[in-house]
């Protein structure tokens, strides 16, 4: 799993939670056999169209921002063969799915 792009995605999600969310931020990792699911959740609530969150130039306006972070993070996820989406609005939860490369067969 490429560390650089995944770290960049986490940076966006954690900054987004800090800037636009509320309360504590929690990162959970789930093993789905052929993928890893990373859930980033805060104690806030999202009441807008989930797809609109990933539109370039969209920002809440509450704390500024360029509105490119989530769009960039989603593009990075897709470049890895993964997905990034909003999985919960209350509490706000984003999930990053990253495929896991199959282990190479053992040689004898």
C-alpha atoms as a PDB file:
ATOM      1  CA  UNK A   1       0.000   0.000   0.000  1.00  0.00           C
ATOM      2  CA  UNK A   2       1.600   3.306  -1.068  1.00  0.00           C
ATOM      3  CA  UNK A   3       2.292   5.343   2.069  1.00  0.00           C
ATOM      4  CA  UNK A   4       2.681   8.798   0.513  1.00  0.00           C
ATOM      5  CA  UNK A   5      -0.784   9.138  -1.067  1.00  0.00           C
ATOM      6  CA  UNK A   6      -2.504   7.463   1.895  1.00  0.00           C
ATOM      7  CA  UNK A   7      -0.736   9.842   4.299  1.00  0.00           C
ATOM      8  CA  UNK A   8      -1.859  12.781   2.149  1.00  0.00           C
ATOM      9  CA  UNK A   9      -5.473  11.556   2.259  1.00  0.00           C
ATOM     10  CA  UNK A  10      -5.299  11.174   6.047  1.00  0.00           C
ATOM     11  CA  UNK A  11      -3.867  14.690   6.273  1.00  0.00           C
ATOM     12  CA  UNK A  12      -6.859  16.077   4.370  1.00  0.00           C
ATOM     13  CA  UNK A  13      -9.402  14.083   6.396  1.00  0.00           C
ATOM     14  CA  UNK A  14      -7.868  14.977   9.751  1.00  0.00           C
ATOM     15  CA  UNK A  15      -7.535  18.658   8.814  1.00  0.00           C
ATOM     16  CA  UNK A  16     -11.134  18.632   7.587  1.00  0.00           C
ATOM     17  CA  UNK A  17     -12.307  17.148  10.908  1.00  0.00           C
ATOM     18  CA  UNK A  18     -10.284  19.694  12.879  1.00  0.00           C
ATOM     19  CA  UNK A  19     -11.469  22.650  10.797  1.00  0.00           C
ATOM     20  CA  UNK A  20     -15.090  21.756  10.040  1.00  0.00           C
ATOM     21  CA  UNK A  21     -15.987  19.053  12.580  1.00  0.00           C
ATOM     22  CA  UNK A  22     -16.519  18.982  16.308  1.00  0.00           C
ATOM     23  CA  UNK A  23     -15.210  17.170  19.337  1.00  0.00           C
ATOM     24  CA  UNK A  24     -12.874  14.218  19.281  1.00  0.00           C
ATOM     25  CA  UNK A  25     -11.599  12.672  16.069  1.00  0.00           C
ATOM     26  CA  UNK A  26     -11.366   8.878  15.822  1.00  0.00           C
ATOM     27  CA  UNK A  27      -9.500   6.788  13.250  1.00  0.00           C
ATOM     28  CA  UNK A  28     -10.588   3.154  12.916  1.00  0.00           C
ATOM     29  CA  UNK A  29      -8.995   0.557  10.649  1.00  0.00           C
ATOM     30  CA  UNK A  30     -10.919  -2.492   9.433  1.00  0.00           C
ATOM     31  CA  UNK A  31      -9.445  -5.451   7.525  1.00  0.00           C
ATOM     32  CA  UNK A  32     -11.787  -6.507   4.712  1.00  0.00           C
ATOM     33  CA  UNK A  33      -9.447  -9.221   3.362  1.00  0.00           C
ATOM     34  CA  UNK A  34      -8.905  -7.658  -0.081  1.00  0.00           C
ATOM     35  CA  UNK A  35      -8.956  -4.051   1.200  1.00  0.00           C
ATOM     36  CA  UNK A  36      -8.388  -1.966   4.292  1.00  0.00           C
ATOM     37  CA  UNK A  37     -11.129   0.422   5.397  1.00  0.00           C
ATOM     38  CA  UNK A  38     -10.051   3.513   7.301  1.00  0.00           C
ATOM     39  CA  UNK A  39     -12.871   5.405   9.036  1.00  0.00           C
ATOM     40  CA  UNK A  40     -12.200   8.989  10.153  1.00  0.00           C
ATOM     41  CA  UNK A  41     -14.999  10.253  12.387  1.00  0.00           C
ATOM     42  CA  UNK A  42     -15.607  13.356  14.470  1.00  0.00           C
ATOM     43  CA  UNK A  43     -18.541  14.370  16.645  1.00  0.00           C
ATOM     44  CA  UNK A  44     -20.025  16.810  14.121  1.00  0.00           C
ATOM     45  CA  UNK A  45     -22.981  16.501  11.779  1.00  0.00           C
ATOM     46  CA  UNK A  46     -23.134  16.805   7.990  1.00  0.00           C
ATOM     47  CA  UNK A  47     -26.471  17.889   6.583  1.00  0.00           C
ATOM     48  CA  UNK A  48     -25.513  18.683   2.975  1.00  0.00           C
ATOM     49  CA  UNK A  49     -25.494  16.451  -0.094  1.00  0.00           C
ATOM     50  CA  UNK A  50     -22.581  14.020   0.424  1.00  0.00           C
ATOM     51  CA  UNK A  51     -21.414  14.271  -3.199  1.00  0.00           C
ATOM     52  CA  UNK A  52     -21.325  18.050  -2.912  1.00  0.00           C
ATOM     53  CA  UNK A  53     -18.650  17.728  -0.248  1.00  0.00           C
ATOM     54  CA  UNK A  54     -16.263  16.386  -2.892  1.00  0.00           C
ATOM     55  CA  UNK A  55     -16.932  19.133  -5.456  1.00  0.00           C
ATOM     56  CA  UNK A  56     -13.944  21.366  -6.168  1.00  0.00           C
ATOM     57  CA  UNK A  57     -14.381  24.872  -4.825  1.00  0.00           C
ATOM     58  CA  UNK A  58     -17.006  23.903  -2.259  1.00  0.00           C
ATOM     59  CA  UNK A  59     -16.282  24.912   1.315  1.00  0.00           C
ATOM     60  CA  UNK A  60     -18.432  25.415   4.383  1.00  0.00           C
ATOM     61  CA  UNK A  61     -17.335  29.039   4.553  1.00  0.00           C
ATOM     62  CA  UNK A  62     -17.403  28.748   8.341  1.00  0.00           C
ATOM     63  CA  UNK A  63     -13.655  28.432   8.712  1.00  0.00           C
ATOM     64  CA  UNK A  64     -12.397  29.386   5.276  1.00  0.00           C
ATOM     65  CA  UNK A  65     -10.613  26.993   2.979  1.00  0.00           C
ATOM     66  CA  UNK A  66     -10.279  26.517  -0.742  1.00  0.00           C
ATOM     67  CA  UNK A  67     -12.710  23.654  -1.164  1.00  0.00           C
ATOM     68  CA  UNK A  68     -10.157  21.456  -2.890  1.00  0.00           C
ATOM     69  CA  UNK A  69      -9.074  19.151  -0.045  1.00  0.00           C
ATOM     70  CA  UNK A  70     -11.757  16.467  -0.196  1.00  0.00           C
ATOM     71  CA  UNK A  71     -11.780  16.513  -4.009  1.00  0.00           C
ATOM     72  CA  UNK A  72      -8.013  15.991  -4.052  1.00  0.00           C
ATOM     73  CA  UNK A  73      -8.245  13.252  -1.416  1.00  0.00           C
ATOM     74  CA  UNK A  74     -10.899  11.431  -3.460  1.00  0.00           C
ATOM     75  CA  UNK A  75      -8.760  11.704  -6.621  1.00  0.00           C
ATOM     76  CA  UNK A  76      -5.788  10.251  -4.725  1.00  0.00           C
ATOM     77  CA  UNK A  77      -7.930   7.380  -3.435  1.00  0.00           C
ATOM     78  CA  UNK A  78      -9.084   6.575  -6.975  1.00  0.00           C
ATOM     79  CA  UNK A  79      -5.478   6.699  -8.227  1.00  0.00           C
ATOM     80  CA  UNK A  80      -4.719   3.896  -5.728  1.00  0.00           C
ATOM     81  CA  UNK A  81      -7.654   1.839  -6.957  1.00  0.00           C
ATOM     82  CA  UNK A  82      -9.591   2.787  -3.841  1.00  0.00           C
ATOM     83  CA  UNK A  83     -12.548   4.917  -2.857  1.00  0.00           C
ATOM     84  CA  UNK A  84     -13.285   7.774  -0.478  1.00  0.00           C
ATOM     85  CA  UNK A  85     -16.813   8.581   0.571  1.00  0.00           C
ATOM     86  CA  UNK A  86     -18.961   9.936   3.381  1.00  0.00           C
ATOM     87  CA  UNK A  87     -20.364   6.948   5.267  1.00  0.00           C
ATOM     88  CA  UNK A  88     -22.080   8.802   8.092  1.00  0.00           C
ATOM     89  CA  UNK A  89     -23.580  12.233   8.607  1.00  0.00           C
ATOM     90  CA  UNK A  90     -24.206  12.014  12.357  1.00  0.00           C
ATOM     91  CA  UNK A  91     -21.528  11.625  13.489  1.00  0.00           C
ATOM     92  CA  UNK A  92     -19.538  12.739  10.454  1.00  0.00           C
ATOM     93  CA  UNK A  93     -17.601   9.739   9.154  1.00  0.00           C
ATOM     94  CA  UNK A  94     -15.484   9.449   6.025  1.00  0.00           C
ATOM     95  CA  UNK A  95     -14.271   6.040   4.866  1.00  0.00           C
ATOM     96  CA  UNK A  96     -11.195   5.398   2.748  1.00  0.00           C
ATOM     97  CA  UNK A  97     -11.064   1.971   1.078  1.00  0.00           C
ATOM     98  CA  UNK A  98      -7.609   0.927  -0.115  1.00  0.00           C
ATOM     99  CA  UNK A  99      -7.080  -2.375  -1.918  1.00  0.00           C
ATOM    100  CA  UNK A 100      -4.448  -4.673  -0.499  1.00  0.00           C
ATOM    101  CA  UNK A 101      -2.146  -6.282  -3.016  1.00  0.00           C
ATOM    102  CA  UNK A 102      -2.317 -10.064  -2.859  1.00  0.00           C
ATOM    103  CA  UNK A 103       0.700 -11.655  -1.251  1.00  0.00           C
ATOM    104  CA  UNK A 104       3.215 -13.068  -3.674  1.00  0.00           C
ATOM    105  CA  UNK A 105       3.187 -16.863  -3.791  1.00  0.00           C
ATOM    106  CA  UNK A 106       5.938 -18.469  -1.783  1.00  0.00           C
ATOM    107  CA  UNK A 107       8.753 -19.966  -3.839  1.00  0.00           C
ATOM    108  CA  UNK A 108      10.301 -23.270  -2.937  1.00  0.00           C
END
